[in-house]
Amino acid sequence: MAQLKVTQLKSGIGGKQNQRETLRTLGLKRIGDTVVKEDRPEIRGMVNTVRHLVSVEEVK
């Protein structure tokens, strides 16, 4: 199954509460943090919520 590499590019400070919580749920704590998650609809939805704060790459 494919995986997604999610990297935080911008801060969640000043954003909406649900966006800050989504970053934390993804495991991102600070700018430059990277996590690898399974490519599932739940993860895609979370990434979509914070798409302006993160970059996403597919990893095989």
C-alpha atoms as a PDB file:
ATOM      1  CA  MET A   1       0.000   0.000   0.000  1.00  0.00           C
ATOM      2  CA  ALA A   2       1.225   3.495  -0.790  1.00  0.00           C
ATOM      3  CA  GLN A   3       2.303   5.879   1.914  1.00  0.00           C
ATOM      4  CA  LEU A   4       2.226   9.650   2.240  1.00  0.00           C
ATOM      5  CA  LYS A   5       5.165  11.718   3.456  1.00  0.00           C
ATOM      6  CA  VAL A   6       3.733  14.813   5.142  1.00  0.00           C
ATOM      7  CA  THR A   7       6.025  17.732   6.021  1.00  0.00           C
ATOM      8  CA  GLN A   8       4.948  20.797   7.980  1.00  0.00           C
ATOM      9  CA  LEU A   9       5.975  23.985   6.157  1.00  0.00           C
ATOM     10  CA  LYS A  10       4.102  26.680   8.084  1.00  0.00           C
ATOM     11  CA  SER A  11       3.091  27.258  11.676  1.00  0.00           C
ATOM     12  CA  GLY A  12      -0.362  26.493  13.024  1.00  0.00           C
ATOM     13  CA  ILE A  13      -0.221  29.526  15.304  1.00  0.00           C
ATOM     14  CA  GLY A  14      -3.062  31.892  14.471  1.00  0.00           C
ATOM     15  CA  GLY A  15      -4.971  29.163  12.674  1.00  0.00           C
ATOM     16  CA  LYS A  16      -8.269  27.640  13.651  1.00  0.00           C
ATOM     17  CA  GLN A  17      -8.405  25.266  16.600  1.00  0.00           C
ATOM     18  CA  ASN A  18      -9.333  22.266  14.427  1.00  0.00           C
ATOM     19  CA  GLN A  19      -6.332  22.906  12.164  1.00  0.00           C
ATOM     20  CA  ARG A  20      -3.941  23.013  15.123  1.00  0.00           C
ATOM     21  CA  GLU A  21      -5.465  19.800  16.466  1.00  0.00           C
ATOM     22  CA  THR A  22      -5.189  18.147  13.056  1.00  0.00           C
ATOM     23  CA  LEU A  23      -1.471  18.971  12.860  1.00  0.00           C
ATOM     24  CA  ARG A  24      -0.994  17.435  16.294  1.00  0.00           C
ATOM     25  CA  THR A  25      -3.028  14.347  15.350  1.00  0.00           C
ATOM     26  CA  LEU A  26      -0.847  13.848  12.291  1.00  0.00           C
ATOM     27  CA  GLY A  27       2.176  13.940  14.599  1.00  0.00           C
ATOM     28  CA  LEU A  28       3.533  17.306  13.434  1.00  0.00           C
ATOM     29  CA  LYS A  29       4.815  19.553  16.207  1.00  0.00           C
ATOM     30  CA  ARG A  30       7.038  22.124  14.524  1.00  0.00           C
ATOM     31  CA  ILE A  31       8.036  23.478  11.132  1.00  0.00           C
ATOM     32  CA  GLY A  32      10.206  20.975   9.315  1.00  0.00           C
ATOM     33  CA  ASP A  33       8.747  17.895  11.023  1.00  0.00           C
ATOM     34  CA  THR A  34       8.045  14.995   8.680  1.00  0.00           C
ATOM     35  CA  VAL A  35       5.866  11.936   9.202  1.00  0.00           C
ATOM     36  CA  VAL A  36       5.051   8.977   6.970  1.00  0.00           C
ATOM     37  CA  LYS A  37       1.440   7.781   7.107  1.00  0.00           C
ATOM     38  CA  GLU A  38      -0.540   5.101   5.293  1.00  0.00           C
ATOM     39  CA  ASP A  39      -2.522   6.460   2.345  1.00  0.00           C
ATOM     40  CA  ARG A  40      -6.040   6.097   3.745  1.00  0.00           C
ATOM     41  CA  PRO A  41      -9.149   8.271   3.345  1.00  0.00           C
ATOM     42  CA  GLU A  42      -8.908   9.437   6.989  1.00  0.00           C
ATOM     43  CA  ILE A  43      -5.341  10.660   6.515  1.00  0.00           C
ATOM     44  CA  ARG A  44      -6.220  12.296   3.174  1.00  0.00           C
ATOM     45  CA  GLY A  45      -9.027  14.187   4.925  1.00  0.00           C
ATOM     46  CA  MET A  46      -6.696  15.421   7.665  1.00  0.00           C
ATOM     47  CA  VAL A  47      -4.120  16.516   5.088  1.00  0.00           C
ATOM     48  CA  ASN A  48      -6.847  18.318   3.151  1.00  0.00           C
ATOM     49  CA  THR A  49      -7.795  20.250   6.305  1.00  0.00           C
ATOM     50  CA  VAL A  50      -4.252  21.630   6.685  1.00  0.00           C
ATOM     51  CA  ARG A  51      -3.192  21.595   3.020  1.00  0.00           C
ATOM     52  CA  HIS A  52      -1.987  25.218   3.226  1.00  0.00           C
ATOM     53  CA  LEU A  53       0.406  24.323   6.087  1.00  0.00           C
ATOM     54  CA  VAL A  54       1.955  21.097   4.787  1.00  0.00           C
ATOM     55  CA  SER A  55       3.485  19.496   1.709  1.00  0.00           C
ATOM     56  CA  VAL A  56       2.625  15.933   0.713  1.00  0.00           C
ATOM     57  CA  GLU A  57       4.580  13.386  -1.323  1.00  0.00           C
ATOM     58  CA  GLU A  58       3.690   9.810  -2.198  1.00  0.00           C
ATOM     59  CA  VAL A  59       6.206   7.190  -1.071  1.00  0.00           C
ATOM     60  CA  LYS A  60       6.200   3.622  -2.349  1.00  0.00           C
END
